[in-house]
């Protein structure tokens, strides 16, 4: 299982970024996908989740109406569109797959991509 995350960077408050997480090594369309983030000195927190077919999504309260999670199962990729970014959104963002992978029930994490919101 591998993930390649991209799209992070430095953006001014109020700006937008789109994160991508390209997956390989498992049947992507069988798994819900998650975005987490971890700010400096903070615990990792769940940001958003999308069901395997993409029909259901959920967000932590602090990003509702600003972030949108989506997926393209033909491209084995999950996205996080982030709008109206705030300094408190600064963190390393990770994608995650959870569930059964063959005979293992486990989590697989991406390597993380840094998002910095600053003027």
Protein backbone atom coordinates (compact mmCIF):
# COMPACT_ATOMS: atom_id res chain seq x y z
CA UNK A 1 0.00 0.00 0.00
CA UNK A 2 1.35 3.38 -0.95
CA UNK A 3 0.12 6.94 -0.98
CA UNK A 4 1.55 9.97 -2.72
CA UNK A 5 0.31 13.20 -1.26
CA UNK A 6 0.67 16.56 -2.94
CA UNK A 7 -0.76 20.06 -3.03
CA UNK A 8 0.46 21.52 0.23
CA UNK A 9 2.29 24.81 0.51
CA UNK A 10 2.22 28.36 1.84
CA UNK A 11 -0.95 30.36 1.37
CA UNK A 12 -2.27 33.63 2.74
CA UNK A 13 -5.29 33.71 5.03
CA UNK A 14 -8.46 33.50 2.98
CA UNK A 15 -6.72 31.55 0.24
CA UNK A 16 -7.32 28.07 -1.11
CA UNK A 17 -5.39 24.86 -1.61
CA UNK A 18 -6.30 21.46 -3.02
CA UNK A 19 -4.61 18.42 -1.55
CA UNK A 20 -4.38 15.14 -3.45
CA UNK A 21 -3.62 11.65 -2.23
CA UNK A 22 -2.95 9.06 -4.94
CA UNK A 23 -3.24 5.48 -3.68
CA UNK A 24 -1.89 2.19 -4.96
CA UNK A 25 -1.49 -1.39 -3.80
CA UNK A 26 -5.06 -2.03 -2.69
CA UNK A 27 -8.61 -1.87 -4.00
CA UNK A 28 -9.16 1.81 -3.44
CA UNK A 29 -12.88 1.75 -4.21
CA UNK A 30 -13.53 -0.69 -1.35
CA UNK A 31 -12.34 1.67 1.38
CA UNK A 32 -13.49 4.82 3.07
CA UNK A 33 -10.77 7.45 2.99
CA UNK A 34 -9.81 9.99 5.62
CA UNK A 35 -7.91 13.25 5.91
CA UNK A 36 -6.23 14.04 9.22
CA UNK A 37 -4.03 16.93 10.27
CA UNK A 38 -1.49 17.55 12.99
CA UNK A 39 -0.40 21.01 14.00
CA UNK A 40 2.85 21.69 15.79
CA UNK A 41 2.58 20.50 19.38
CA UNK A 42 -0.94 19.21 18.83
CA UNK A 43 -2.53 15.80 18.55
CA UNK A 44 -3.49 14.44 15.17
CA UNK A 45 -7.14 15.18 14.45
CA UNK A 46 -9.65 13.87 11.95
CA UNK A 47 -10.59 16.50 9.38
CA UNK A 48 -12.87 14.71 6.92
CA UNK A 49 -14.00 11.27 5.81
CA UNK A 50 -15.60 10.02 2.61
CA UNK A 51 -17.32 6.69 2.04
CA UNK A 52 -16.00 4.15 -0.42
CA UNK A 53 -18.34 5.21 -3.23
CA UNK A 54 -18.17 8.88 -2.32
CA UNK A 55 -21.81 9.29 -1.44
CA UNK A 56 -21.28 10.14 2.21
CA UNK A 57 -18.94 12.67 3.76
CA UNK A 58 -18.35 14.04 7.22
CA UNK A 59 -16.27 16.89 8.58
CA UNK A 60 -14.96 18.16 11.84
CA UNK A 61 -16.88 21.27 12.91
CA UNK A 62 -13.96 23.67 12.46
CA UNK A 63 -13.75 23.02 8.69
CA UNK A 64 -17.41 22.59 7.77
CA UNK A 65 -18.48 24.87 4.90
CA UNK A 66 -14.82 25.58 4.07
CA UNK A 67 -13.33 22.18 3.16
CA UNK A 68 -14.65 19.58 0.74
CA UNK A 69 -13.48 15.98 0.54
CA UNK A 70 -13.98 14.11 -2.72
CA UNK A 71 -12.62 11.08 -4.51
CA UNK A 72 -12.10 9.72 -8.00
CA UNK A 73 -12.15 5.93 -7.84
CA UNK A 74 -11.06 5.67 -11.46
CA UNK A 75 -7.87 7.53 -10.54
CA UNK A 76 -7.49 5.98 -7.05
CA UNK A 77 -7.24 9.47 -5.64
CA UNK A 78 -8.83 11.34 -2.77
CA UNK A 79 -8.87 15.13 -2.60
CA UNK A 80 -9.31 17.82 0.01
CA UNK A 81 -10.36 21.21 -1.32
CA UNK A 82 -9.62 23.83 1.31
CA UNK A 83 -11.11 27.30 0.98
CA UNK A 84 -11.13 30.36 3.25
CA UNK A 85 -8.01 29.09 4.96
CA UNK A 86 -7.13 30.37 8.41
CA UNK A 87 -3.82 30.42 10.29
CA UNK A 88 -5.21 27.75 12.61
CA UNK A 89 -5.46 25.39 9.62
CA UNK A 90 -1.65 25.27 9.53
CA UNK A 91 -0.65 21.63 9.96
CA UNK A 92 0.73 18.58 8.26
CA UNK A 93 -2.15 16.89 6.45
CA UNK A 94 -2.30 13.11 6.09
CA UNK A 95 -4.57 10.80 4.13
CA UNK A 96 -5.50 7.44 5.57
CA UNK A 97 -7.17 4.23 4.49
CA UNK A 98 -8.75 2.02 7.13
CA UNK A 99 -10.17 -1.48 7.13
CA UNK A 100 -9.36 -4.93 5.80
CA UNK A 101 -6.35 -5.29 3.58
CA UNK A 102 -6.23 -8.97 2.79
CA UNK A 103 -6.18 -10.64 6.20
CA UNK A 104 -5.08 -7.51 8.06
CA UNK A 105 -7.41 -5.00 9.71
CA UNK A 106 -5.32 -1.89 9.94
CA UNK A 107 -4.65 1.71 8.90
CA UNK A 108 -2.35 2.92 6.17
CA UNK A 109 -1.13 6.52 6.21
CA UNK A 110 0.26 8.86 3.63
CA UNK A 111 3.57 10.63 4.23
CA UNK A 112 1.92 13.98 4.94
CA UNK A 113 1.98 17.34 3.20
CA UNK A 114 2.63 20.64 4.97
CA UNK A 115 0.02 23.39 4.79
CA UNK A 116 1.04 26.78 6.14
CA UNK A 117 -1.44 29.64 6.30
CA UNK A 118 0.33 32.90 6.97
CA UNK A 119 0.57 36.47 5.73
